[in-house]
Amino acid sequence: MIRDEELKMRWETVQAKLSKQFADGETLDLDAIIYLIGVQELGQIHRKFKKDHKVDLMHIAICRLLEPYGYYEFDYIDEDGWPHYNTIENLPVLKPGEQSVMMKEAIVQYFVEKGYIK
């Protein structure tokens, strides 16, 4: 239970900081935060992206976020600067709520590693 409360507090901290920084305080949802991580990982922060690239950016973020869990492994960066990952292990079958918790844990860990939160 303590772990759940800690995750909830850290998630709310990440969400509030990112919302203030990127959405004028309007609360960013999980998908929006995943998208921001994809843009960060691509490193082309000031570029405008088309819809199909937005899906690719979310994929980059998910691969990066789940890499420490052993599901993906970084492979290479292509000539356009896009990172590519290999699947190491298939993701487990999770209920939507469990998927959300897993992603929130990974996002919190990502921002702890980046020094964005403690």
PDB file of N, CA and C in Angstrom:
ATOM      1  N   MET A   1       0.818  -1.200   0.000  1.00  0.00           N
ATOM      2  CA  MET A   1       0.000   0.000   0.000  1.00  0.00           C
ATOM      3  C   MET A   1       0.864   1.266   0.000  1.00  0.00           C
ATOM      4  N   ILE A   2       1.969   1.233   0.751  1.00  0.00           N
ATOM      5  CA  ILE A   2       2.853   2.387   0.812  1.00  0.00           C
ATOM      6  C   ILE A   2       3.448   2.646  -0.571  1.00  0.00           C
ATOM      7  N   ARG A   3       3.813   1.558  -1.271  1.00  0.00           N
ATOM      8  CA  ARG A   3       4.371   1.684  -2.620  1.00  0.00           C
ATOM      9  C   ARG A   3       3.368   2.351  -3.546  1.00  0.00           C
ATOM     10  N   ASP A   4       2.095   1.973  -3.445  1.00  0.00           N
ATOM     11  CA  ASP A   4       1.043   2.574  -4.272  1.00  0.00           C
ATOM     12  C   ASP A   4       0.896   4.062  -3.976  1.00  0.00           C
ATOM     13  N   GLU A   5       0.972   4.432  -2.721  1.00  0.00           N
ATOM     14  CA  GLU A   5       0.853   5.836  -2.334  1.00  0.00           C
ATOM     15  C   GLU A   5       2.048   6.643  -2.825  1.00  0.00           C
ATOM     16  N   GLU A   6       3.234   6.042  -2.729  1.00  0.00           N
ATOM     17  CA  GLU A   6       4.439   6.723  -3.209  1.00  0.00           C
ATOM     18  C   GLU A   6       4.355   6.931  -4.725  1.00  0.00           C
ATOM     19  N   LEU A   7       3.921   5.903  -5.444  1.00  0.00           N
ATOM     20  CA  LEU A   7       3.763   6.033  -6.896  1.00  0.00           C
ATOM     21  C   LEU A   7       2.746   7.120  -7.219  1.00  0.00           C
ATOM     22  N   LYS A   8       1.645   7.130  -6.503  1.00  0.00           N
ATOM     23  CA  LYS A   8       0.594   8.133  -6.745  1.00  0.00           C
ATOM     24  C   LYS A   8       1.145   9.544  -6.529  1.00  0.00           C
ATOM     25  N   MET A   9       1.881   9.746  -5.459  1.00  0.00           N
ATOM     26  CA  MET A   9       2.440  11.076  -5.161  1.00  0.00           C
ATOM     27  C   MET A   9       3.462  11.483  -6.216  1.00  0.00           C
ATOM     28  N   ARG A  10       4.342  10.558  -6.586  1.00  0.00           N
ATOM     29  CA  ARG A  10       5.363  10.878  -7.583  1.00  0.00           C
ATOM     30  C   ARG A  10       4.735  11.123  -8.952  1.00  0.00           C
ATOM     31  N   TRP A  11       3.725  10.315  -9.317  1.00  0.00           N
ATOM     32  CA  TRP A  11       3.039  10.513 -10.591  1.00  0.00           C
ATOM     33  C   TRP A  11       2.401  11.904 -10.624  1.00  0.00           C
ATOM     34  N   GLU A  12       1.725  12.277  -9.548  1.00  0.00           N
ATOM     35  CA  GLU A  12       1.079  13.587  -9.489  1.00  0.00           C
ATOM     36  C   GLU A  12       2.107  14.716  -9.582  1.00  0.00           C
ATOM     37  N   THR A  13       3.292  14.501  -9.017  1.00  0.00           N
ATOM     38  CA  THR A  13       4.361  15.498  -9.113  1.00  0.00           C
ATOM     39  C   THR A  13       4.807  15.652 -10.562  1.00  0.00           C
ATOM     40  N   VAL A  14       5.072  14.530 -11.234  1.00  0.00           N
ATOM     41  CA  VAL A  14       5.471  14.560 -12.646  1.00  0.00           C
ATOM     42  C   VAL A  14       4.385  15.227 -13.482  1.00  0.00           C
ATOM     43  N   GLN A  15       3.171  14.802 -13.286  1.00  0.00           N
ATOM     44  CA  GLN A  15       2.043  15.322 -14.063  1.00  0.00           C
ATOM     45  C   GLN A  15       1.873  16.824 -13.856  1.00  0.00           C
ATOM     46  N   ALA A  16       1.970  17.270 -12.627  1.00  0.00           N
ATOM     47  CA  ALA A  16       1.807  18.696 -12.333  1.00  0.00           C
ATOM     48  C   ALA A  16       2.947  19.523 -12.936  1.00  0.00           C
ATOM     49  N   LYS A  17       4.186  19.056 -12.793  1.00  0.00           N
ATOM     50  CA  LYS A  17       5.326  19.805 -13.333  1.00  0.00           C
ATOM     51  C   LYS A  17       5.258  19.894 -14.862  1.00  0.00           C
ATOM     52  N   LEU A  18       4.981  18.775 -15.503  1.00  0.00           N
ATOM     53  CA  LEU A  18       4.905  18.782 -16.963  1.00  0.00           C
ATOM     54  C   LEU A  18       3.719  19.606 -17.455  1.00  0.00           C
ATOM     55  N   SER A  19       2.609  19.511 -16.761  1.00  0.00           N
ATOM     56  CA  SER A  19       1.415  20.275 -17.147  1.00  0.00           C
ATOM     57  C   SER A  19       1.680  21.768 -17.049  1.00  0.00           C
ATOM     58  N   LYS A  20       2.363  22.168 -16.001  1.00  0.00           N
ATOM     59  CA  LYS A  20       2.701  23.583 -15.835  1.00  0.00           C
ATOM     60  C   LYS A  20       3.678  24.040 -16.915  1.00  0.00           C
ATOM     61  N   GLN A  21       4.647  23.192 -17.221  1.00  0.00           N
ATOM     62  CA  GLN A  21       5.695  23.543 -18.171  1.00  0.00           C
ATOM     63  C   GLN A  21       5.220  23.520 -19.626  1.00  0.00           C
ATOM     64  N   PHE A  22       4.327  22.583 -19.979  1.00  0.00           N
ATOM     65  CA  PHE A  22       3.981  22.388 -21.382  1.00  0.00           C
ATOM     66  C   PHE A  22       2.519  22.628 -21.738  1.00  0.00           C
ATOM     67  N   ALA A  23       1.645  22.772 -20.744  1.00  0.00           N
ATOM     68  CA  ALA A  23       0.217  22.879 -21.057  1.00  0.00           C
ATOM     69  C   ALA A  23      -0.466  24.004 -20.287  1.00  0.00           C
ATOM     70  N   ASP A  24       0.298  25.029 -19.916  1.00  0.00           N
ATOM     71  CA  ASP A  24      -0.257  26.172 -19.184  1.00  0.00           C
ATOM     72  C   ASP A  24      -1.114  25.740 -18.003  1.00  0.00           C
ATOM     73  N   GLY A  25      -0.698  24.655 -17.339  1.00  0.00           N
ATOM     74  CA  GLY A  25      -1.408  24.194 -16.161  1.00  0.00           C
ATOM     75  C   GLY A  25      -2.547  23.242 -16.436  1.00  0.00           C
ATOM     76  N   GLU A  26      -2.983  23.126 -17.703  1.00  0.00           N
ATOM     77  CA  GLU A  26      -4.023  22.143 -18.034  1.00  0.00           C
ATOM     78  C   GLU A  26      -3.405  20.759 -17.845  1.00  0.00           C
ATOM     79  N   THR A  27      -4.095  19.878 -17.160  1.00  0.00           N
ATOM     80  CA  THR A  27      -3.526  18.591 -16.787  1.00  0.00           C
ATOM     81  C   THR A  27      -3.282  17.698 -18.006  1.00  0.00           C
ATOM     82  N   LEU A  28      -2.032  17.293 -18.169  1.00  0.00           N
ATOM     83  CA  LEU A  28      -1.662  16.366 -19.238  1.00  0.00           C
ATOM     84  C   LEU A  28      -2.028  14.945 -18.814  1.00  0.00           C
ATOM     85  N   ASP A  29      -2.579  14.186 -19.756  1.00  0.00           N
ATOM     86  CA  ASP A  29      -2.898  12.793 -19.457  1.00  0.00           C
ATOM     87  C   ASP A  29      -1.700  11.898 -19.766  1.00  0.00           C
ATOM     88  N   LEU A  30      -1.856  10.618 -19.512  1.00  0.00           N
ATOM     89  CA  LEU A  30      -0.772   9.655 -19.691  1.00  0.00           C
ATOM     90  C   LEU A  30      -0.243   9.662 -21.122  1.00  0.00           C
ATOM     91  N   ASP A  31      -1.134   9.660 -22.110  1.00  0.00           N
ATOM     92  CA  ASP A  31      -0.703   9.651 -23.509  1.00  0.00           C
ATOM     93  C   ASP A  31       0.097  10.903 -23.870  1.00  0.00           C
ATOM     94  N   ALA A  32      -0.316  12.045 -23.371  1.00  0.00           N
ATOM     95  CA  ALA A  32       0.401  13.291 -23.658  1.00  0.00           C
ATOM     96  C   ALA A  32       1.806  13.256 -23.065  1.00  0.00           C
ATOM     97  N   ILE A  33       1.934  12.692 -21.894  1.00  0.00           N
ATOM     98  CA  ILE A  33       3.247  12.610 -21.254  1.00  0.00           C
ATOM     99  C   ILE A  33       4.133  11.616 -22.007  1.00  0.00           C
ATOM    100  N   ILE A  34       3.564  10.519 -22.460  1.00  0.00           N
ATOM    101  CA  ILE A  34       4.322   9.562 -23.266  1.00  0.00           C
ATOM    102  C   ILE A  34       4.805  10.243 -24.548  1.00  0.00           C
ATOM    103  N   TYR A  35       3.946  11.027 -25.168  1.00  0.00           N
ATOM    104  CA  TYR A  35       4.321  11.765 -26.373  1.00  0.00           C
ATOM    105  C   TYR A  35       5.499  12.712 -26.087  1.00  0.00           C
ATOM    106  N   LEU A  36       5.425  13.445 -24.982  1.00  0.00           N
ATOM    107  CA  LEU A  36       6.518  14.365 -24.620  1.00  0.00           C
ATOM    108  C   LEU A  36       7.840  13.625 -24.422  1.00  0.00           C
ATOM    109  N   ILE A  37       7.770  12.454 -23.833  1.00  0.00           N
ATOM    110  CA  ILE A  37       8.981  11.655 -23.644  1.00  0.00           C
ATOM    111  C   ILE A  37       9.541  11.231 -25.003  1.00  0.00           C
ATOM    112  N   GLY A  38       8.660  10.876 -25.929  1.00  0.00           N
ATOM    113  CA  GLY A  38       9.104  10.525 -27.278  1.00  0.00           C
ATOM    114  C   GLY A  38       9.824  11.675 -27.958  1.00  0.00           C
ATOM    115  N   VAL A  39       9.276  12.874 -27.827  1.00  0.00           N
ATOM    116  CA  VAL A  39       9.918  14.056 -28.403  1.00  0.00           C
ATOM    117  C   VAL A  39      11.276  14.279 -27.743  1.00  0.00           C
ATOM    118  N   GLN A  40      11.329  14.137 -26.440  1.00  0.00           N
ATOM    119  CA  GLN A  40      12.590  14.290 -25.698  1.00  0.00           C
ATOM    120  C   GLN A  40      13.614  13.273 -26.180  1.00  0.00           C
ATOM    121  N   GLU A  41      13.209  12.043 -26.320  1.00  0.00           N
ATOM    122  CA  GLU A  41      14.140  10.992 -26.734  1.00  0.00           C
ATOM    123  C   GLU A  41      14.610  11.184 -28.172  1.00  0.00           C
ATOM    124  N   LEU A  42      13.743  11.699 -29.034  1.00  0.00           N
ATOM    125  CA  LEU A  42      14.134  11.976 -30.413  1.00  0.00           C
ATOM    126  C   LEU A  42      15.116  13.143 -30.464  1.00  0.00           C
ATOM    127  N   GLY A  43      14.911  14.107 -29.569  1.00  0.00           N
ATOM    128  CA  GLY A  43      15.814  15.246 -29.498  1.00  0.00           C
ATOM    129  C   GLY A  43      15.526  16.348 -30.501  1.00  0.00           C
ATOM    130  N   GLN A  44      14.388  16.284 -31.165  1.00  0.00           N
ATOM    131  CA  GLN A  44      14.004  17.310 -32.137  1.00  0.00           C
ATOM    132  C   GLN A  44      12.835  18.106 -31.541  1.00  0.00           C
ATOM    133  N   ILE A  45      13.134  18.812 -30.486  1.00  0.00           N
ATOM    134  CA  ILE A  45      12.129  19.436 -29.629  1.00  0.00           C
ATOM    135  C   ILE A  45      11.309  20.515 -30.333  1.00  0.00           C
ATOM    136  N   HIS A  46      11.890  21.283 -31.205  1.00  0.00           N
ATOM    137  CA  HIS A  46      11.180  22.412 -31.812  1.00  0.00           C
ATOM    138  C   HIS A  46      10.521  22.072 -33.153  1.00  0.00           C
ATOM    139  N   ARG A  47      10.553  20.830 -33.512  1.00  0.00           N
ATOM    140  CA  ARG A  47       9.983  20.394 -34.783  1.00  0.00           C
ATOM    141  C   ARG A  47       8.479  20.139 -34.648  1.00  0.00           C
ATOM    142  N   LYS A  48       7.716  20.425 -35.699  1.00  0.00           N
ATOM    143  CA  LYS A  48       6.290  20.091 -35.730  1.00  0.00           C
ATOM    144  C   LYS A  48       6.159  18.707 -36.347  1.00  0.00           C
ATOM    145  N   PHE A  49       5.311  17.877 -35.762  1.00  0.00           N
ATOM    146  CA  PHE A  49       5.172  16.498 -36.205  1.00  0.00           C
ATOM    147  C   PHE A  49       3.796  16.244 -36.802  1.00  0.00           C
ATOM    148  N   LYS A  50       3.780  15.427 -37.844  1.00  0.00           N
ATOM    149  CA  LYS A  50       2.527  14.991 -38.455  1.00  0.00           C
ATOM    150  C   LYS A  50       1.940  13.876 -37.606  1.00  0.00           C
ATOM    151  N   LYS A  51       0.669  13.562 -37.853  1.00  0.00           N
ATOM    152  CA  LYS A  51      -0.041  12.585 -37.042  1.00  0.00           C
ATOM    153  C   LYS A  51       0.678  11.236 -36.996  1.00  0.00           C
ATOM    154  N   ASP A  52       1.142  10.740 -38.150  1.00  0.00           N
ATOM    155  CA  ASP A  52       1.800   9.431 -38.146  1.00  0.00           C
ATOM    156  C   ASP A  52       3.115   9.459 -37.367  1.00  0.00           C
ATOM    157  N   HIS A  53       3.785  10.585 -37.343  1.00  0.00           N
ATOM    158  CA  HIS A  53       5.004  10.699 -36.544  1.00  0.00           C
ATOM    159  C   HIS A  53       4.689  10.725 -35.050  1.00  0.00           C
ATOM    160  N   LYS A  54       3.527  11.227 -34.691  1.00  0.00           N
ATOM    161  CA  LYS A  54       3.149  11.266 -33.278  1.00  0.00           C
ATOM    162  C   LYS A  54       3.022   9.848 -32.720  1.00  0.00           C
ATOM    163  N   VAL A  55       2.469   8.951 -33.521  1.00  0.00           N
ATOM    164  CA  VAL A  55       2.377   7.554 -33.106  1.00  0.00           C
ATOM    165  C   VAL A  55       3.786   6.968 -32.961  1.00  0.00           C
ATOM    166  N   ASP A  56       4.664   7.272 -33.903  1.00  0.00           N
ATOM    167  CA  ASP A  56       6.054   6.806 -33.831  1.00  0.00           C
ATOM    168  C   ASP A  56       6.754   7.347 -32.593  1.00  0.00           C
ATOM    169  N   LEU A  57       6.494   8.598 -32.252  1.00  0.00           N
ATOM    170  CA  LEU A  57       7.102   9.201 -31.061  1.00  0.00           C
ATOM    171  C   LEU A  57       6.634   8.490 -29.793  1.00  0.00           C
ATOM    172  N   MET A  58       5.364   8.137 -29.755  1.00  0.00           N
ATOM    173  CA  MET A  58       4.851   7.416 -28.590  1.00  0.00           C
ATOM    174  C   MET A  58       5.489   6.027 -28.511  1.00  0.00           C
ATOM    175  N   HIS A  59       5.719   5.417 -29.662  1.00  0.00           N
ATOM    176  CA  HIS A  59       6.375   4.110 -29.685  1.00  0.00           C
ATOM    177  C   HIS A  59       7.809   4.216 -29.147  1.00  0.00           C
ATOM    178  N   ILE A  60       8.525   5.243 -29.582  1.00  0.00           N
ATOM    179  CA  ILE A  60       9.884   5.480 -29.074  1.00  0.00           C
ATOM    180  C   ILE A  60       9.853   5.602 -27.553  1.00  0.00           C
ATOM    181  N   ALA A  61       8.911   6.383 -27.057  1.00  0.00           N
ATOM    182  CA  ALA A  61       8.816   6.601 -25.609  1.00  0.00           C
ATOM    183  C   ALA A  61       8.533   5.291 -24.875  1.00  0.00           C
ATOM    184  N   ILE A  62       7.596   4.524 -25.389  1.00  0.00           N
ATOM    185  CA  ILE A  62       7.241   3.264 -24.723  1.00  0.00           C
ATOM    186  C   ILE A  62       8.440   2.320 -24.713  1.00  0.00           C
ATOM    187  N   CYS A  63       9.141   2.230 -25.838  1.00  0.00           N
ATOM    188  CA  CYS A  63      10.341   1.384 -25.878  1.00  0.00           C
ATOM    189  C   CYS A  63      11.373   1.857 -24.863  1.00  0.00           C
ATOM    190  N   ARG A  64      11.611   3.149 -24.819  1.00  0.00           N
ATOM    191  CA  ARG A  64      12.597   3.704 -23.882  1.00  0.00           C
ATOM    192  C   ARG A  64      12.170   3.480 -22.435  1.00  0.00           C
ATOM    193  N   LEU A  65      10.882   3.700 -22.167  1.00  0.00           N
ATOM    194  CA  LEU A  65      10.380   3.548 -20.802  1.00  0.00           C
ATOM    195  C   LEU A  65      10.439   2.100 -20.320  1.00  0.00           C
ATOM    196  N   LEU A  66      10.209   1.167 -21.222  1.00  0.00           N
ATOM    197  CA  LEU A  66      10.159  -0.240 -20.824  1.00  0.00           C
ATOM    198  C   LEU A  66      11.485  -0.968 -21.035  1.00  0.00           C
ATOM    199  N   GLU A  67      12.479  -0.257 -21.554  1.00  0.00           N
ATOM    200  CA  GLU A  67      13.808  -0.841 -21.729  1.00  0.00           C
ATOM    201  C   GLU A  67      14.397  -1.340 -20.399  1.00  0.00           C
ATOM    202  N   PRO A  68      14.318  -0.550 -19.304  1.00  0.00           N
ATOM    203  CA  PRO A  68      14.872  -1.028 -18.038  1.00  0.00           C
ATOM    204  C   PRO A  68      14.168  -2.279 -17.490  1.00  0.00           C
ATOM    205  N   TYR A  69      12.965  -2.548 -17.964  1.00  0.00           N
ATOM    206  CA  TYR A  69      12.206  -3.712 -17.516  1.00  0.00           C
ATOM    207  C   TYR A  69      12.553  -4.961 -18.344  1.00  0.00           C
ATOM    208  N   GLY A  70      13.408  -4.796 -19.357  1.00  0.00           N
ATOM    209  CA  GLY A  70      13.839  -5.926 -20.153  1.00  0.00           C
ATOM    210  C   GLY A  70      12.953  -6.269 -21.337  1.00  0.00           C
ATOM    211  N   TYR A  71      12.030  -5.391 -21.688  1.00  0.00           N
ATOM    212  CA  TYR A  71      11.136  -5.668 -22.819  1.00  0.00           C
ATOM    213  C   TYR A  71      11.722  -5.199 -24.153  1.00  0.00           C
ATOM    214  N   TYR A  72      12.516  -4.152 -24.119  1.00  0.00           N
ATOM    215  CA  TYR A  72      13.116  -3.599 -25.336  1.00  0.00           C
ATOM    216  C   TYR A  72      14.594  -3.335 -25.097  1.00  0.00           C
ATOM    217  N   GLU A  73      15.324  -3.281 -26.210  1.00  0.00           N
ATOM    218  CA  GLU A  73      16.742  -2.961 -26.158  1.00  0.00           C
ATOM    219  C   GLU A  73      17.040  -1.975 -27.276  1.00  0.00           C
ATOM    220  N   PHE A  74      17.743  -0.895 -26.934  1.00  0.00           N
ATOM    221  CA  PHE A  74      18.126   0.082 -27.945  1.00  0.00           C
ATOM    222  C   PHE A  74      18.994  -0.596 -28.991  1.00  0.00           C
ATOM    223  N   ASP A  75      18.736  -0.279 -30.267  1.00  0.00           N
ATOM    224  CA  ASP A  75      19.484  -0.885 -31.365  1.00  0.00           C
ATOM    225  C   ASP A  75      20.381   0.145 -32.051  1.00  0.00           C
ATOM    226  N   TYR A  76      19.765   1.182 -32.641  1.00  0.00           N
ATOM    227  CA  TYR A  76      20.551   2.182 -33.362  1.00  0.00           C
ATOM    228  C   TYR A  76      19.707   3.422 -33.619  1.00  0.00           C
ATOM    229  N   ILE A  77      20.376   4.471 -34.080  1.00  0.00           N
ATOM    230  CA  ILE A  77      19.708   5.698 -34.520  1.00  0.00           C
ATOM    231  C   ILE A  77      19.871   5.760 -36.028  1.00  0.00           C
ATOM    232  N   ASP A  78      18.757   5.941 -36.735  1.00  0.00           N
ATOM    233  CA  ASP A  78      18.826   5.958 -38.204  1.00  0.00           C
ATOM    234  C   ASP A  78      19.337   7.307 -38.715  1.00  0.00           C
ATOM    235  N   GLU A  79      19.443   7.417 -40.036  1.00  0.00           N
ATOM    236  CA  GLU A  79      20.013   8.617 -40.660  1.00  0.00           C
ATOM    237  C   GLU A  79      19.182   9.873 -40.407  1.00  0.00           C
ATOM    238  N   ASP A  80      17.904   9.708 -40.044  1.00  0.00           N
ATOM    239  CA  ASP A  80      17.046  10.855 -39.734  1.00  0.00           C
ATOM    240  C   ASP A  80      17.040  11.191 -38.246  1.00  0.00           C
ATOM    241  N   GLY A  81      17.820  10.445 -37.470  1.00  0.00           N
ATOM    242  CA  GLY A  81      17.917  10.713 -36.039  1.00  0.00           C
ATOM    243  C   GLY A  81      16.906   9.977 -35.179  1.00  0.00           C
ATOM    244  N   TRP A  82      16.160   9.046 -35.763  1.00  0.00           N
ATOM    245  CA  TRP A  82      15.136   8.309 -35.015  1.00  0.00           C
ATOM    246  C   TRP A  82      15.745   7.069 -34.363  1.00  0.00           C
ATOM    247  N   PRO A  83      15.550   6.903 -33.056  1.00  0.00           N
ATOM    248  CA  PRO A  83      16.055   5.706 -32.379  1.00  0.00           C
ATOM    249  C   PRO A  83      15.204   4.483 -32.737  1.00  0.00           C
ATOM    250  N   HIS A  84      15.858   3.339 -32.783  1.00  0.00           N
ATOM    251  CA  HIS A  84      15.175   2.078 -33.060  1.00  0.00           C
ATOM    252  C   HIS A  84      15.503   1.094 -31.945  1.00  0.00           C
ATOM    253  N   TYR A  85      14.517   0.284 -31.607  1.00  0.00           N
ATOM    254  CA  TYR A  85      14.647  -0.684 -30.523  1.00  0.00           C
ATOM    255  C   TYR A  85      14.283  -2.077 -31.033  1.00  0.00           C
ATOM    256  N   ASN A  86      14.874  -3.081 -30.403  1.00  0.00           N
ATOM    257  CA  ASN A  86      14.503  -4.475 -30.649  1.00  0.00           C
ATOM    258  C   ASN A  86      13.647  -4.951 -29.493  1.00  0.00           C
ATOM    259  N   THR A  87      12.681  -5.790 -29.798  1.00  0.00           N
ATOM    260  CA  THR A  87      11.876  -6.422 -28.762  1.00  0.00           C
ATOM    261  C   THR A  87      12.682  -7.574 -28.175  1.00  0.00           C
ATOM    262  N   ILE A  88      12.858  -7.554 -26.878  1.00  0.00           N
ATOM    263  CA  ILE A  88      13.593  -8.603 -26.174  1.00  0.00           C
ATOM    264  C   ILE A  88      12.613  -9.628 -25.621  1.00  0.00           C
ATOM    265  N   GLU A  89      11.531  -9.127 -25.055  1.00  0.00           N
ATOM    266  CA  GLU A  89      10.515  -9.995 -24.468  1.00  0.00           C
ATOM    267  C   GLU A  89       9.160  -9.358 -24.739  1.00  0.00           C
ATOM    268  N   ASN A  90       8.189 -10.183 -25.090  1.00  0.00           N
ATOM    269  CA  ASN A  90       6.850  -9.659 -25.324  1.00  0.00           C
ATOM    270  C   ASN A  90       6.263  -9.131 -24.022  1.00  0.00           C
ATOM    271  N   LEU A  91       5.496  -8.062 -24.160  1.00  0.00           N
ATOM    272  CA  LEU A  91       4.843  -7.492 -22.983  1.00  0.00           C
ATOM    273  C   LEU A  91       3.812  -8.471 -22.443  1.00  0.00           C
ATOM    274  N   PRO A  92       3.645  -8.513 -21.135  1.00  0.00           N
ATOM    275  CA  PRO A  92       2.630  -9.402 -20.566  1.00  0.00           C
ATOM    276  C   PRO A  92       1.233  -8.894 -20.901  1.00  0.00           C
ATOM    277  N   VAL A  93       0.278  -9.799 -20.873  1.00  0.00           N
ATOM    278  CA  VAL A  93      -1.120  -9.415 -21.068  1.00  0.00           C
ATOM    279  C   VAL A  93      -1.590  -8.796 -19.757  1.00  0.00           C
ATOM    280  N   LEU A  94      -1.943  -7.515 -19.839  1.00  0.00           N
ATOM    281  CA  LEU A  94      -2.375  -6.785 -18.650  1.00  0.00           C
ATOM    282  C   LEU A  94      -3.738  -6.156 -18.900  1.00  0.00           C
ATOM    283  N   LYS A  95      -4.484  -6.007 -17.835  1.00  0.00           N
ATOM    284  CA  LYS A  95      -5.740  -5.267 -17.920  1.00  0.00           C
ATOM    285  C   LYS A  95      -5.393  -3.793 -18.101  1.00  0.00           C
ATOM    286  N   PRO A  96      -6.321  -2.986 -18.661  1.00  0.00           N
ATOM    287  CA  PRO A  96      -6.014  -1.563 -18.884  1.00  0.00           C
ATOM    288  C   PRO A  96      -5.503  -0.835 -17.637  1.00  0.00           C
ATOM    289  N   GLY A  97      -6.077  -1.092 -16.502  1.00  0.00           N
ATOM    290  CA  GLY A  97      -5.620  -0.445 -15.266  1.00  0.00           C
ATOM    291  C   GLY A  97      -4.204  -0.846 -14.911  1.00  0.00           C
ATOM    292  N   GLU A  98      -3.866  -2.111 -15.144  1.00  0.00           N
ATOM    293  CA  GLU A  98      -2.521  -2.599 -14.862  1.00  0.00           C
ATOM    294  C   GLU A  98      -1.510  -1.986 -15.836  1.00  0.00           C
ATOM    295  N   GLN A  99      -1.919  -1.832 -17.096  1.00  0.00           N
ATOM    296  CA  GLN A  99      -1.062  -1.180 -18.088  1.00  0.00           C
ATOM    297  C   GLN A  99      -0.749   0.247 -17.653  1.00  0.00           C
ATOM    298  N   SER A 100      -1.771   0.943 -17.205  1.00  0.00           N
ATOM    299  CA  SER A 100      -1.616   2.330 -16.768  1.00  0.00           C
ATOM    300  C   SER A 100      -0.641   2.424 -15.601  1.00  0.00           C
ATOM    301  N   VAL A 101      -0.775   1.528 -14.628  1.00  0.00           N
ATOM    302  CA  VAL A 101       0.124   1.535 -13.466  1.00  0.00           C
ATOM    303  C   VAL A 101       1.555   1.253 -13.907  1.00  0.00           C
ATOM    304  N   MET A 102       1.723   0.287 -14.802  1.00  0.00           N
ATOM    305  CA  MET A 102       3.061  -0.056 -15.290  1.00  0.00           C
ATOM    306  C   MET A 102       3.709   1.141 -15.984  1.00  0.00           C
ATOM    307  N   MET A 103       2.949   1.821 -16.828  1.00  0.00           N
ATOM    308  CA  MET A 103       3.489   2.967 -17.540  1.00  0.00           C
ATOM    309  C   MET A 103       3.784   4.123 -16.587  1.00  0.00           C
ATOM    310  N   LYS A 104       2.922   4.360 -15.624  1.00  0.00           N
ATOM    311  CA  LYS A 104       3.170   5.422 -14.650  1.00  0.00           C
ATOM    312  C   LYS A 104       4.432   5.138 -13.848  1.00  0.00           C
ATOM    313  N   GLU A 105       4.628   3.876 -13.452  1.00  0.00           N
ATOM    314  CA  GLU A 105       5.854   3.508 -12.736  1.00  0.00           C
ATOM    315  C   GLU A 105       7.073   3.788 -13.602  1.00  0.00           C
ATOM    316  N   ALA A 106       6.998   3.391 -14.868  1.00  0.00           N
ATOM    317  CA  ALA A 106       8.130   3.587 -15.781  1.00  0.00           C
ATOM    318  C   ALA A 106       8.403   5.071 -16.018  1.00  0.00           C
ATOM    319  N   ILE A 107       7.340   5.863 -16.139  1.00  0.00           N
ATOM    320  CA  ILE A 107       7.496   7.308 -16.349  1.00  0.00           C
ATOM    321  C   ILE A 107       8.113   7.966 -15.125  1.00  0.00           C
ATOM    322  N   VAL A 108       7.633   7.609 -13.962  1.00  0.00           N
ATOM    323  CA  VAL A 108       8.202   8.168 -12.726  1.00  0.00           C
ATOM    324  C   VAL A 108       9.684   7.823 -12.646  1.00  0.00           C
ATOM    325  N   GLN A 109      10.029   6.573 -12.919  1.00  0.00           N
ATOM    326  CA  GLN A 109      11.434   6.159 -12.872  1.00  0.00           C
ATOM    327  C   GLN A 109      12.270   6.933 -13.890  1.00  0.00           C
ATOM    328  N   TYR A 110      11.724   7.124 -15.087  1.00  0.00           N
ATOM    329  CA  TYR A 110      12.402   7.880 -16.139  1.00  0.00           C
ATOM    330  C   TYR A 110      12.745   9.293 -15.655  1.00  0.00           C
ATOM    331  N   PHE A 111      11.777   9.967 -15.036  1.00  0.00           N
ATOM    332  CA  PHE A 111      12.008  11.340 -14.594  1.00  0.00           C
ATOM    333  C   PHE A 111      12.863  11.418 -13.334  1.00  0.00           C
ATOM    334  N   VAL A 112      12.880  10.364 -12.539  1.00  0.00           N
ATOM    335  CA  VAL A 112      13.827  10.303 -11.427  1.00  0.00           C
ATOM    336  C   VAL A 112      15.235  10.198 -11.985  1.00  0.00           C
ATOM    337  N   GLU A 113      15.433   9.298 -12.956  1.00  0.00           N
ATOM    338  CA  GLU A 113      16.756   9.128 -13.576  1.00  0.00           C
ATOM    339  C   GLU A 113      17.235  10.409 -14.244  1.00  0.00           C
ATOM    340  N   LYS A 114      16.325  11.165 -14.842  1.00  0.00           N
ATOM    341  CA  LYS A 114      16.680  12.416 -15.512  1.00  0.00           C
ATOM    342  C   LYS A 114      16.884  13.563 -14.530  1.00  0.00           C
ATOM    343  N   GLY A 115      16.566  13.339 -13.247  1.00  0.00           N
ATOM    344  CA  GLY A 115      16.731  14.378 -12.238  1.00  0.00           C
ATOM    345  C   GLY A 115      15.611  15.417 -12.258  1.00  0.00           C
ATOM    346  N   TYR A 116      14.519  15.099 -12.941  1.00  0.00           N
ATOM    347  CA  TYR A 116      13.386  16.030 -13.044  1.00  0.00           C
ATOM    348  C   TYR A 116      12.583  16.046 -11.743  1.00  0.00           C
ATOM    349  N   ILE A 117      12.504  14.883 -11.098  1.00  0.00           N
ATOM    350  CA  ILE A 117      11.891  14.782  -9.759  1.00  0.00           C
ATOM    351  C   ILE A 117      12.813  13.945  -8.875  1.00  0.00           C
ATOM    352  N   LYS A 118      12.537  13.974  -7.587  1.00  0.00           N
ATOM    353  CA  LYS A 118      13.338  13.172  -6.633  1.00  0.00           C
ATOM    354  C   LYS A 118      12.624  11.882  -6.306  1.00  0.00           C
TER     355      LYS A 118
END
